[in-house]
C-alpha cells in the first residue's frame, strides 16, 4: 500500500514557516525609485528604502533586499521580525535574487562560492556546502555537490559532482537524483515497491523503499490523448479551456477573449489542428515552460506566480504543442499552450501560423 505520510509530514514541518496570515505588500515612493512594505490594513511597516533589485512584491517570511547606505549598495536578507542576515550573500540567478518558497530562501557564501538555505527566521537549515540547489518544494530539495563551475562566454555551467534529493533537515532521501523539472514534488508517494502508475517516475530511496512523483510530461501526454483528442466537440474544448484565451495577430499586442467567444469564432481551426495530432505523420513536439508574467498580468493569474512575480512552473507548468508546417520551406509554426491548473490542464494561448484567429 502506498504511503503518503512523507507528504503530510513535510507540510506540517513547513506550516510554521510559511503560514503567515499578515502578508505585507510592496509599495513605491513618489518617483517609483524605491519600495517599502505595508500590511493588509495599509499600515506602513517599512518606509520605501529598497532599490529595484528588491523583487519581492509580497513579504511573507523572508526576502532579499538591496538598499543604498552612505553611497554604497548593500544587499542582505530581511526577516519579518526585522532580522538582517546574509549580508552580500544573495543567491542571484538570471539577474534576480532568490524568492522564498515555503518559507525558505537560498543564499551563496561568497568566500567558498557554495550555496545553502535559510528558513523564515533567518536560521541556516541547509549549510553552504553545495555547488547548487533548487528551491524547497514540498519540503524537498535537489542538491548538487562537488561540481566544477565552468564559464561559457557570459554564462556558467556545472560539470561533474553528484546530485541528491534531501529534505529541509539536509537528510539524504535519494542518491543519484538527477535534476528533472518535469517532476511534481507535491504528488510524492512512498512505497515498498515501485509505483506501476505509467505517469509516475520512481526513485530508490536510501532506506530501500521508493519515492514516486507524477511526471508532468507523461501526465500531459496521457491527458491530451484521453481527455481532449478523444472528444473534439465544442463542449469538450470549452470544458478544457481557461476562462480567457490569449492569442496574437500581426502588428497587434496579445489579445484576450472569453473562451466561449474565442472557441465559437475559431472552432474549426482548433478542431482541425488538434485532429492533426492523431496522425503519426504530423511533425510536432511538446515543450515545458512557465506562464509569462508580462503577458498574463490580470488578477486571475496571480495564483500561478510567486511573491516575486515568477512563474510557479514547479506546480503550474505550461505545456506547449508546437506544430511544424507541412511545407518545409515555411518556417511558421502553430503554438497551442495548456496551463496546468488545480482543475487539470486548460487551453490558455494560441498562436497560428496563418494568422487567421479572431
Protein backbone atom coordinates (compact mmCIF):
# COMPACT_ATOMS: atom_id res chain seq x y z
CA UNK A 1 0.00 0.00 0.00
CA UNK A 2 1.30 3.44 -0.94
CA UNK A 3 2.35 5.66 1.91
CA UNK A 4 1.90 9.42 1.55
CA UNK A 5 2.92 10.12 5.17
CA UNK A 6 6.04 11.93 3.98
CA UNK A 7 3.90 14.46 2.14
CA UNK A 8 1.90 15.32 5.23
CA UNK A 9 4.96 15.38 7.47
CA UNK A 10 6.73 17.83 5.20
CA UNK A 11 3.71 20.07 5.07
CA UNK A 12 3.44 20.04 8.87
CA UNK A 13 7.14 20.80 9.21
CA UNK A 14 6.77 23.77 6.90
CA UNK A 15 3.47 25.02 8.29
CA UNK A 16 5.03 27.34 10.85
CA UNK A 17 7.47 28.64 8.28
CA UNK A 18 5.13 29.87 5.60
CA UNK A 19 1.61 30.09 7.08
CA UNK A 20 1.76 33.85 7.53
CA UNK A 21 -1.70 35.41 7.65
CA UNK A 22 -0.47 39.01 7.56
CA UNK A 23 1.32 39.29 4.23
CA UNK A 24 2.93 42.66 3.62
CA UNK A 25 2.63 44.18 0.16
CA UNK A 26 5.27 46.31 -1.53
CA UNK A 27 4.56 49.92 -2.50
CA UNK A 28 6.71 52.55 -4.26
CA UNK A 29 7.80 56.03 -3.23
CA UNK A 30 6.59 59.06 -5.20
CA UNK A 31 9.10 58.77 -8.02
CA UNK A 32 8.90 54.92 -8.03
CA UNK A 33 12.65 54.55 -7.45
CA UNK A 34 12.33 52.79 -4.08
CA UNK A 35 9.92 50.34 -2.48
CA UNK A 36 8.67 49.70 1.04
CA UNK A 37 6.02 47.43 2.56
CA UNK A 38 2.54 47.84 4.04
CA UNK A 39 0.42 45.37 5.97
CA UNK A 40 -3.06 44.25 4.92
CA UNK A 41 -4.59 47.29 6.63
CA UNK A 42 -2.40 49.71 4.71
CA UNK A 43 -0.18 50.50 7.69
CA UNK A 44 3.39 51.17 6.60
CA UNK A 45 5.72 48.57 8.13
CA UNK A 46 8.83 49.60 6.19
CA UNK A 47 9.20 53.00 4.54
CA UNK A 48 10.38 52.90 0.90
CA UNK A 49 14.14 52.44 1.00
CA UNK A 50 14.87 49.37 -1.10
CA UNK A 51 16.04 49.54 -4.69
CA UNK A 52 14.52 47.90 -7.76
CA UNK A 53 16.76 44.88 -7.20
CA UNK A 54 14.31 44.06 -4.38
CA UNK A 55 11.96 41.93 -6.46
CA UNK A 56 9.55 40.71 -3.76
CA UNK A 57 6.05 42.08 -4.18
CA UNK A 58 4.83 40.23 -1.11
CA UNK A 59 6.63 39.79 2.20
CA UNK A 60 5.66 36.57 3.98
CA UNK A 61 8.68 35.45 6.00
CA UNK A 62 12.00 36.42 4.43
CA UNK A 63 13.06 38.47 1.40
CA UNK A 64 16.21 39.56 -0.42
CA UNK A 65 16.70 43.35 -0.42
CA UNK A 66 19.16 45.96 -1.63
CA UNK A 67 19.49 49.50 -0.28
CA UNK A 68 21.94 52.38 -0.55
CA UNK A 69 23.88 53.32 2.57
CA UNK A 70 26.49 56.06 2.62
CA UNK A 71 26.82 55.97 -1.14
CA UNK A 72 27.28 52.21 -1.29
CA UNK A 73 24.83 49.46 -2.22
CA UNK A 74 24.24 46.82 0.41
CA UNK A 75 22.39 43.55 -0.12
CA UNK A 76 21.05 41.24 2.56
CA UNK A 77 18.16 39.04 3.65
CA UNK A 78 15.46 40.53 5.87
CA UNK A 79 13.00 38.60 8.05
CA UNK A 80 9.55 39.76 9.10
CA UNK A 81 10.88 40.46 12.61
CA UNK A 82 13.48 42.86 11.17
CA UNK A 83 16.43 40.49 11.49
CA UNK A 84 19.22 41.13 8.96
CA UNK A 85 21.26 38.13 7.79
CA UNK A 86 23.40 37.03 4.89
CA UNK A 87 24.94 40.40 4.09
CA UNK A 88 26.22 40.36 0.49
CA UNK A 89 25.28 36.68 0.26
CA UNK A 90 22.30 36.92 -2.09
CA UNK A 91 21.74 33.97 -4.34
CA UNK A 92 21.31 35.51 -7.80
CA UNK A 93 20.06 33.75 -10.89
CA UNK A 94 19.15 35.30 -14.24
CA UNK A 95 19.89 38.80 -12.89
CA UNK A 96 17.48 38.45 -9.98
CA UNK A 97 17.78 37.38 -6.33
CA UNK A 98 16.08 34.31 -4.94
CA UNK A 99 12.47 34.40 -3.74
CA UNK A 100 11.28 32.44 -0.74
CA UNK A 101 9.29 29.29 -1.29
CA UNK A 102 7.53 27.54 1.59
CA UNK A 103 9.33 29.92 3.95
CA UNK A 104 12.85 29.05 2.74
CA UNK A 105 15.31 31.04 0.63
CA UNK A 106 18.71 30.20 -0.89
CA UNK A 107 21.97 32.05 -0.25
CA UNK A 108 25.55 31.98 -1.53
CA UNK A 109 28.69 32.02 0.61
CA UNK A 110 30.93 34.40 -1.40
CA UNK A 111 34.11 33.06 0.21
CA UNK A 112 33.54 29.49 -0.91
CA UNK A 113 31.04 30.08 -3.76
CA UNK A 114 28.88 27.35 -2.20
CA UNK A 115 25.14 27.51 -1.64
CA UNK A 116 22.86 26.90 1.32
CA UNK A 117 19.39 27.82 2.56
CA UNK A 118 17.83 29.98 5.28
CA UNK A 119 14.47 29.39 6.92
CA UNK A 120 11.95 32.16 7.56
CA UNK A 121 13.61 33.06 10.86
CA UNK A 122 16.99 33.53 9.22
CA UNK A 123 18.46 30.29 10.55
CA UNK A 124 20.64 28.15 8.29
CA UNK A 125 18.76 24.92 7.61
CA UNK A 126 20.93 23.79 4.69
CA UNK A 127 24.63 24.62 5.20
CA UNK A 128 26.57 26.26 2.37
CA UNK A 129 28.27 23.08 1.20
CA UNK A 130 26.59 22.62 -2.18
CA UNK A 131 27.53 23.75 -5.67
CA UNK A 132 23.87 24.35 -6.46
CA UNK A 133 20.40 23.58 -5.11
CA UNK A 134 16.77 24.06 -6.08
CA UNK A 135 14.02 25.87 -4.23
CA UNK A 136 12.30 23.91 -1.47
CA UNK A 137 9.32 22.08 -2.95
CA UNK A 138 7.11 20.18 -0.55
CA UNK A 139 9.99 20.09 1.91
CA UNK A 140 12.40 18.55 -0.63
CA UNK A 141 15.44 20.00 -2.37
CA UNK A 142 17.66 18.70 -5.16
CA UNK A 143 21.29 19.48 -4.34
CA UNK A 144 24.48 19.28 -6.40
CA UNK A 145 27.71 18.63 -4.52
CA UNK A 146 31.39 18.84 -5.52
CA UNK A 147 30.76 20.05 -9.06
CA UNK A 148 33.13 22.23 -11.06
CA UNK A 149 31.94 25.62 -12.31
CA UNK A 150 32.94 26.48 -15.87
CA UNK A 151 32.43 29.64 -17.89
CA UNK A 152 30.97 29.74 -21.40
CA UNK A 153 31.06 33.36 -22.52
CA UNK A 154 28.64 35.30 -20.31
CA UNK A 155 27.17 32.14 -18.82
CA UNK A 156 28.48 29.48 -16.48
CA UNK A 157 27.56 25.85 -16.02
CA UNK A 158 28.43 22.93 -13.75
CA UNK A 159 30.27 19.76 -14.65
CA UNK A 160 30.71 16.63 -12.57
CA UNK A 161 29.61 16.41 -8.98
CA UNK A 162 26.83 14.31 -7.52
CA UNK A 163 23.13 15.09 -7.11
CA UNK A 164 20.95 14.11 -4.16
CA UNK A 165 17.36 14.60 -3.07
CA UNK A 166 17.39 15.89 0.51
CA UNK A 167 14.76 17.15 2.95
CA UNK A 168 14.81 20.51 4.74
CA UNK A 169 16.94 18.99 7.51
CA UNK A 170 19.60 18.10 4.92
CA UNK A 171 18.83 14.40 5.30
CA UNK A 172 19.54 12.45 2.11
CA UNK A 173 16.41 10.79 0.77
CA UNK A 174 17.64 9.62 -2.65
CA UNK A 175 21.17 9.37 -4.02
CA UNK A 176 21.99 9.97 -7.69
CA UNK A 177 18.86 12.08 -8.11
CA UNK A 178 19.42 13.89 -11.41
CA UNK A 179 17.74 17.28 -11.77
CA UNK A 180 14.39 16.99 -13.53
CA UNK A 181 11.99 19.92 -13.87
CA UNK A 182 9.19 17.63 -15.06
CA UNK A 183 8.53 16.20 -11.58
CA UNK A 184 5.61 17.27 -9.40
CA UNK A 185 7.09 17.13 -5.91
CA UNK A 186 3.66 17.70 -4.37
CA UNK A 187 2.48 14.36 -5.77
CA UNK A 188 5.06 12.35 -3.80
CA UNK A 189 4.18 8.84 -2.70
CA UNK A 190 6.37 6.39 -0.82
CA UNK A 191 6.02 2.63 -1.16
CA UNK A 192 7.94 -0.60 -0.68
CA UNK A 193 7.65 -1.40 -4.38
CA UNK A 194 7.94 0.92 -7.42
CA UNK A 195 4.68 2.55 -8.46
CA UNK A 196 3.10 0.98 -11.54
CA UNK A 197 1.32 4.20 -12.48
CA UNK A 198 2.58 4.98 -16.03
CA UNK A 199 2.71 8.74 -15.41
CA UNK A 200 4.96 8.38 -12.33
CA UNK A 201 8.75 8.21 -12.09
CA UNK A 202 10.25 6.00 -9.37
CA UNK A 203 13.42 6.56 -7.34
CA UNK A 204 15.07 4.12 -4.96
CA UNK A 205 15.44 5.76 -1.54
CA UNK A 206 18.41 5.28 0.78
CA UNK A 207 16.16 3.30 3.14
CA UNK A 208 15.36 0.73 0.44
CA UNK A 209 11.84 1.96 -0.30
CA UNK A 210 10.70 4.04 -3.31
CA UNK A 211 9.65 7.62 -3.84
CA UNK A 212 7.49 8.25 -6.87
CA UNK A 213 6.40 11.53 -8.46
CA UNK A 214 4.00 12.44 -11.24
CA UNK A 215 5.95 13.37 -14.36
CA UNK A 216 4.34 16.45 -15.92
CA UNK A 217 5.25 15.42 -19.45
CA UNK A 218 3.82 11.93 -19.09
CA UNK A 219 0.78 13.32 -17.32
CA UNK A 220 0.09 15.88 -20.05
CA UNK A 221 0.50 13.45 -22.94
CA UNK A 222 -1.84 10.96 -21.25
CA UNK A 223 -4.35 13.74 -20.52
CA UNK A 224 -4.14 15.05 -24.07
CA UNK A 225 -4.94 11.66 -25.57
CA UNK A 226 -7.62 10.62 -23.09
CA UNK A 227 -9.38 13.85 -22.21
CA UNK A 228 -9.04 16.08 -25.26
CA UNK A 229 -8.20 14.30 -28.51
CA UNK A 230 -10.81 11.63 -27.78
CA UNK A 231 -13.55 14.27 -27.94
CA UNK A 232 -13.01 17.41 -30.00
CA UNK A 233 -16.53 18.68 -29.63
CA UNK A 234 -17.04 22.34 -28.89
CA UNK A 235 -18.44 21.42 -25.49
CA UNK A 236 -15.33 19.46 -24.53
CA UNK A 237 -12.98 22.19 -25.77
CA UNK A 238 -14.83 24.69 -23.59
CA UNK A 239 -14.55 22.33 -20.64
CA UNK A 240 -10.78 22.16 -21.01
CA UNK A 241 -10.17 25.86 -21.64
CA UNK A 242 -9.13 28.69 -19.34
CA UNK A 243 -11.76 31.39 -18.82
CA UNK A 244 -9.86 33.67 -21.21
CA UNK A 245 -7.90 32.58 -24.28
CA UNK A 246 -4.88 34.66 -25.31
CA UNK A 247 -3.83 34.92 -28.94
CA UNK A 248 -1.86 37.10 -31.35
CA UNK A 249 -2.48 38.80 -34.67
CA UNK A 250 0.01 40.57 -36.98
CA UNK A 251 1.10 44.02 -35.75
CA UNK A 252 -1.07 43.72 -32.65
CA UNK A 253 -0.38 43.07 -28.98
CA UNK A 254 -1.71 40.00 -27.22
CA UNK A 255 -5.49 39.76 -27.39
CA UNK A 256 -7.60 38.31 -24.56
CA UNK A 257 -11.01 36.89 -25.32
CA UNK A 258 -13.57 34.93 -23.25
CA UNK A 259 -13.26 31.26 -24.05
CA UNK A 260 -16.88 30.98 -25.25
CA UNK A 261 -16.37 33.67 -27.88
CA UNK A 262 -12.89 32.53 -28.90
CA UNK A 263 -13.84 28.89 -29.38
CA UNK A 264 -17.03 29.84 -31.18
CA UNK A 265 -15.04 32.00 -33.61
CA UNK A 266 -12.15 29.57 -34.07
CA UNK A 267 -13.65 26.14 -33.51
CA UNK A 268 -12.92 24.80 -36.99
CA UNK A 269 -9.26 25.80 -36.80
CA UNK A 270 -8.86 24.27 -33.34
CA UNK A 271 -10.58 21.05 -34.27
CA UNK A 272 -8.56 20.54 -37.45
CA UNK A 273 -5.27 21.46 -35.81
CA UNK A 274 -5.85 19.10 -32.89
CA UNK A 275 -7.04 16.37 -35.25
CA UNK A 276 -3.62 16.57 -36.90
CA UNK A 277 -2.03 15.36 -33.66
CA UNK A 278 -3.72 12.00 -34.12
CA UNK A 279 -1.83 11.48 -37.38
CA UNK A 280 1.55 9.81 -36.71
CA UNK A 281 2.99 11.68 -39.71
CA UNK A 282 2.31 15.10 -38.14
CA UNK A 283 5.55 16.84 -37.24
CA UNK A 284 5.09 18.33 -33.78
CA UNK A 285 6.77 18.42 -30.38
CA UNK A 286 5.86 19.40 -26.82
CA UNK A 287 7.83 21.76 -24.59
CA UNK A 288 7.55 22.86 -20.96
CA UNK A 289 7.79 26.42 -19.70
CA UNK A 290 6.26 28.77 -17.16
CA UNK A 291 3.47 31.31 -17.53
CA UNK A 292 4.77 34.61 -18.92
CA UNK A 293 4.25 37.36 -16.28
CA UNK A 294 4.46 40.10 -18.91
CA UNK A 295 1.51 38.69 -20.85
CA UNK A 296 -0.70 37.21 -18.14
CA UNK A 297 -0.91 40.20 -15.81
CA UNK A 298 -4.51 40.39 -14.60
CA UNK A 299 -5.64 39.16 -11.14
CA UNK A 300 -7.00 35.78 -12.27
CA UNK A 301 -3.42 34.67 -12.99
CA UNK A 302 -1.98 35.70 -9.61
CA UNK A 303 -2.15 32.19 -8.16
CA UNK A 304 0.28 30.99 -10.84
CA UNK A 305 3.07 33.38 -9.75
CA UNK A 306 5.10 33.58 -6.56
CA UNK A 307 5.80 36.59 -4.33
CA UNK A 308 8.37 37.93 -6.80
CA UNK A 309 6.06 37.51 -9.81
CA UNK A 310 7.97 34.47 -11.06
CA UNK A 311 6.04 31.66 -12.68
CA UNK A 312 5.40 28.76 -10.28
CA UNK A 313 6.25 26.27 -13.00
CA UNK A 314 7.12 23.61 -10.42
CA UNK A 315 3.36 23.45 -9.77
CA UNK A 316 1.72 25.05 -12.80
CA UNK A 317 3.82 24.40 -15.91
CA UNK A 318 2.73 25.48 -19.37
CA UNK A 319 2.82 22.69 -21.94
CA UNK A 320 3.22 23.97 -25.49
CA UNK A 321 2.32 21.88 -28.52
CA UNK A 322 4.35 23.23 -31.43
CA UNK A 323 3.24 22.02 -34.84
CA UNK A 324 5.72 22.38 -37.69
CA UNK A 325 4.44 23.32 -41.18
CA UNK A 326 3.85 20.63 -43.78
CA UNK A 327 5.77 22.73 -46.26
CA UNK A 328 9.37 22.59 -45.05
CA UNK A 329 10.12 25.88 -46.82
CA UNK A 330 7.67 27.58 -44.45
CA UNK A 331 9.18 28.43 -41.08
CA UNK A 332 5.99 29.49 -39.29
CA UNK A 333 4.65 27.15 -36.61
CA UNK A 334 1.38 26.76 -34.75
CA UNK A 335 1.64 27.05 -30.96
CA UNK A 336 -1.10 25.68 -28.71
CA UNK A 337 -0.50 26.18 -24.99
CA UNK A 338 -2.08 24.50 -21.99
CA UNK A 339 -1.67 25.63 -18.39
CA UNK A 340 -1.70 23.07 -15.60
CA UNK A 341 -4.25 24.23 -13.02
CA UNK A 342 -5.85 22.78 -9.89
CA UNK A 343 -8.64 21.60 -12.21
CA UNK A 344 -6.46 19.96 -14.81
CA UNK A 345 -4.81 21.27 -17.97
CA UNK A 346 -6.54 24.22 -19.62
CA UNK A 347 -6.12 25.70 -23.09
CA UNK A 348 -4.80 29.21 -22.46
CA UNK A 349 -2.98 30.54 -25.52
CA UNK A 350 -2.86 30.11 -29.31
CA UNK A 351 -0.51 31.37 -31.99
CA UNK A 352 -1.45 30.41 -35.56
CA UNK A 353 0.99 30.24 -38.44
CA UNK A 354 -1.72 31.55 -40.77
CA UNK A 355 -2.64 34.50 -38.53
CA UNK A 356 -6.30 33.65 -39.01
CA UNK A 357 -7.55 33.75 -35.40
CA UNK A 358 -10.26 36.14 -34.33
